[in-house]
Structures are given as C-alpha cells and as structure tokens.
C-alpha cells in the first residue's frame, strides 16, 4: 500500500469572502418634541473562488423615536 500526501482543504471548499457593513444614520425632529432616528444598513459580501469574484448586497432600515 502506498501513502501519499493530500493537499489541505481551504475553508469553505476554496471560497474566501469579505463582508463590509456600512450604516448611515440621520436624526430629525418630530413635531411633538421627540426625535426620529433612521438607520440605513448596507451589507456587501464579496466572494472570491479561484479568482472569480461575485458580490451579494443587502440593505435594511431601522427607524425609531426617542
């Protein structure tokens, strides 16, 4: 029987990824003396698999009164 070396498996079967999360926050006065806060979240994930780039983008908003 012959035993030979096997190349290690890179995490996620050769995929590497990078995630960037940006938040834009705005504050405005409401009519009753409170403040309305809006947060827009932008999430971009960049995948690289063997030199081929692809991206996934998501966005969502969070709004509340203080």
N, C-alpha and C. Protein backbone atom coordinates (compact mmCIF):
# COMPACT_ATOMS: atom_id res chain seq x y z
N UNK A 1 0.85 -1.16 0.00
CA UNK A 1 0.00 0.00 0.00
C UNK A 1 0.90 1.23 0.00
N UNK A 2 0.56 2.20 -0.82
CA UNK A 2 1.32 3.45 -0.91
C UNK A 2 0.53 4.57 -0.26
N UNK A 3 1.20 5.38 0.54
CA UNK A 3 0.56 6.52 1.20
C UNK A 3 1.17 7.79 0.62
N UNK A 4 0.33 8.67 0.13
CA UNK A 4 0.83 9.92 -0.44
C UNK A 4 0.14 11.11 0.22
N UNK A 5 0.78 12.25 0.13
CA UNK A 5 0.26 13.46 0.76
C UNK A 5 -0.99 13.96 0.03
N UNK A 6 -1.87 14.57 0.78
CA UNK A 6 -3.10 15.13 0.22
C UNK A 6 -3.08 16.63 0.51
N UNK A 7 -3.44 17.43 -0.48
CA UNK A 7 -3.48 18.88 -0.31
C UNK A 7 -4.55 19.25 0.71
N UNK A 8 -4.25 20.18 1.61
CA UNK A 8 -5.26 20.58 2.61
C UNK A 8 -6.44 21.27 1.94
N UNK A 9 -7.60 21.13 2.55
CA UNK A 9 -8.81 21.77 2.05
C UNK A 9 -8.88 23.17 2.63
N UNK A 10 -9.04 24.16 1.77
CA UNK A 10 -9.20 25.54 2.22
C UNK A 10 -10.61 25.70 2.73
N UNK A 11 -10.80 26.50 3.78
CA UNK A 11 -12.13 26.71 4.34
C UNK A 11 -13.19 26.96 3.29
N UNK A 12 -14.35 26.37 3.43
CA UNK A 12 -15.48 26.52 2.51
C UNK A 12 -15.13 26.08 1.09
N UNK A 13 -14.34 25.05 0.97
CA UNK A 13 -14.03 24.43 -0.33
C UNK A 13 -13.46 25.43 -1.33
N UNK A 14 -12.52 26.25 -0.92
CA UNK A 14 -11.86 27.16 -1.84
C UNK A 14 -12.43 28.56 -1.88
N UNK A 15 -13.49 28.81 -1.16
CA UNK A 15 -14.10 30.15 -1.14
C UNK A 15 -13.42 31.02 -0.09
N UNK A 16 -13.24 32.27 -0.42
CA UNK A 16 -12.90 33.27 0.59
C UNK A 16 -13.92 34.38 0.45
N UNK A 17 -14.20 35.06 1.53
CA UNK A 17 -15.21 36.12 1.45
C UNK A 17 -14.80 37.28 2.34
N UNK A 18 -15.38 38.44 2.04
CA UNK A 18 -15.17 39.65 2.82
C UNK A 18 -16.51 40.35 2.93
N UNK A 19 -16.86 40.78 4.14
CA UNK A 19 -18.14 41.44 4.37
C UNK A 19 -17.87 42.88 4.82
N UNK A 20 -18.58 43.81 4.19
CA UNK A 20 -18.49 45.21 4.59
C UNK A 20 -19.88 45.67 4.99
N UNK A 21 -20.00 46.25 6.18
CA UNK A 21 -21.28 46.70 6.70
C UNK A 21 -21.19 48.20 6.96
N UNK A 22 -21.95 48.99 6.21
CA UNK A 22 -21.98 50.44 6.38
C UNK A 22 -23.34 50.85 6.94
N UNK A 23 -23.34 51.84 7.83
CA UNK A 23 -24.57 52.35 8.43
C UNK A 23 -24.61 53.86 8.23
N UNK A 24 -25.74 54.35 7.70
CA UNK A 24 -25.96 55.79 7.55
C UNK A 24 -27.08 56.16 8.51
N UNK A 25 -26.78 57.04 9.46
CA UNK A 25 -27.75 57.43 10.48
C UNK A 25 -28.14 58.89 10.29
N UNK A 26 -29.45 59.15 10.29
CA UNK A 26 -29.96 60.52 10.23
C UNK A 26 -30.91 60.75 11.40
N UNK A 27 -30.87 61.96 11.95
CA UNK A 27 -31.73 62.32 13.08
C UNK A 27 -32.51 63.56 12.67
N UNK A 28 -33.84 63.51 12.89
CA UNK A 28 -34.67 64.68 12.59
C UNK A 28 -35.66 64.89 13.72
N UNK A 29 -36.07 66.14 13.90
CA UNK A 29 -37.03 66.47 14.95
C UNK A 29 -38.43 66.11 14.49
N UNK A 30 -39.18 65.51 15.38
CA UNK A 30 -40.59 65.24 15.11
C UNK A 30 -41.41 66.41 15.69
N UNK A 31 -42.66 66.51 15.29
CA UNK A 31 -43.49 67.64 15.69
C UNK A 31 -43.78 67.72 17.18
N UNK A 32 -43.73 66.61 17.90
CA UNK A 32 -44.10 66.61 19.32
C UNK A 32 -42.89 66.72 20.25
N UNK A 33 -41.75 67.17 19.75
CA UNK A 33 -40.57 67.36 20.58
C UNK A 33 -39.65 66.15 20.66
N UNK A 34 -40.06 65.06 20.07
CA UNK A 34 -39.19 63.87 20.04
C UNK A 34 -38.30 63.92 18.81
N UNK A 35 -37.41 62.98 18.71
CA UNK A 35 -36.51 62.89 17.57
C UNK A 35 -36.71 61.55 16.86
N UNK A 36 -36.72 61.60 15.56
CA UNK A 36 -36.84 60.38 14.75
C UNK A 36 -35.44 60.00 14.25
N UNK A 37 -35.05 58.77 14.50
CA UNK A 37 -33.74 58.28 14.08
C UNK A 37 -33.93 57.23 13.00
N UNK A 38 -33.28 57.44 11.87
CA UNK A 38 -33.31 56.49 10.76
C UNK A 38 -31.91 55.93 10.57
N UNK A 39 -31.81 54.62 10.51
CA UNK A 39 -30.53 53.97 10.23
C UNK A 39 -30.70 53.10 9.00
N UNK A 40 -29.93 53.39 7.96
CA UNK A 40 -29.92 52.57 6.76
C UNK A 40 -28.65 51.72 6.78
N UNK A 41 -28.83 50.42 6.74
CA UNK A 41 -27.72 49.47 6.80
C UNK A 41 -27.49 48.89 5.40
N UNK A 42 -26.23 48.89 4.98
CA UNK A 42 -25.85 48.33 3.69
C UNK A 42 -24.79 47.26 3.94
N UNK A 43 -25.08 46.05 3.53
CA UNK A 43 -24.15 44.93 3.74
C UNK A 43 -23.74 44.39 2.37
N UNK A 44 -22.44 44.40 2.10
CA UNK A 44 -21.92 43.87 0.85
C UNK A 44 -20.97 42.73 1.17
N UNK A 45 -21.21 41.58 0.57
CA UNK A 45 -20.34 40.43 0.73
C UNK A 45 -19.69 40.14 -0.61
N UNK A 46 -18.36 40.07 -0.62
CA UNK A 46 -17.61 39.77 -1.84
C UNK A 46 -17.01 38.38 -1.69
N UNK A 47 -17.32 37.51 -2.63
CA UNK A 47 -16.80 36.15 -2.63
C UNK A 47 -15.73 36.01 -3.71
N UNK A 48 -14.68 35.31 -3.38
CA UNK A 48 -13.63 35.02 -4.35
C UNK A 48 -13.40 33.51 -4.34
N UNK A 49 -13.71 32.90 -5.44
CA UNK A 49 -13.47 31.46 -5.56
C UNK A 49 -12.57 31.25 -6.76
N UNK A 50 -11.34 30.94 -6.46
CA UNK A 50 -10.36 30.66 -7.51
C UNK A 50 -10.26 31.80 -8.52
N UNK A 51 -10.24 33.04 -8.04
CA UNK A 51 -10.06 34.19 -8.92
C UNK A 51 -11.32 34.74 -9.53
N UNK A 52 -12.48 34.15 -9.26
CA UNK A 52 -13.75 34.64 -9.80
C UNK A 52 -14.49 35.39 -8.70
N UNK A 53 -14.71 36.68 -8.90
CA UNK A 53 -15.38 37.50 -7.89
C UNK A 53 -16.88 37.55 -8.13
N UNK A 54 -17.65 37.51 -7.05
CA UNK A 54 -19.09 37.74 -7.13
C UNK A 54 -19.49 38.47 -5.86
N UNK A 55 -20.56 39.24 -5.92
CA UNK A 55 -20.99 40.02 -4.77
C UNK A 55 -22.46 39.76 -4.46
N UNK A 56 -22.80 39.94 -3.20
CA UNK A 56 -24.18 39.88 -2.73
C UNK A 56 -24.39 41.14 -1.90
N UNK A 57 -25.44 41.90 -2.21
CA UNK A 57 -25.72 43.12 -1.48
C UNK A 57 -27.09 43.04 -0.83
N UNK A 58 -27.16 43.49 0.43
CA UNK A 58 -28.42 43.54 1.16
C UNK A 58 -28.52 44.91 1.80
N UNK A 59 -29.72 45.38 1.98
CA UNK A 59 -29.91 46.62 2.73
C UNK A 59 -31.19 46.52 3.54
N UNK A 60 -31.19 47.22 4.67
CA UNK A 60 -32.39 47.27 5.50
C UNK A 60 -32.35 48.55 6.31
N UNK A 61 -33.51 48.96 6.81
CA UNK A 61 -33.63 50.21 7.59
C UNK A 61 -34.20 49.93 8.96
N UNK A 62 -33.74 50.73 9.93
CA UNK A 62 -34.27 50.68 11.29
C UNK A 62 -34.67 52.12 11.63
N UNK A 63 -35.92 52.31 12.07
CA UNK A 63 -36.43 53.64 12.40
C UNK A 63 -37.03 53.59 13.80
N UNK A 64 -36.74 54.62 14.61
CA UNK A 64 -37.33 54.69 15.93
C UNK A 64 -37.39 56.12 16.42
N UNK A 65 -38.24 56.34 17.44
CA UNK A 65 -38.42 57.67 18.05
C UNK A 65 -37.76 57.70 19.42
N UNK A 66 -37.14 58.84 19.73
CA UNK A 66 -36.51 59.00 21.04
C UNK A 66 -37.05 60.27 21.66
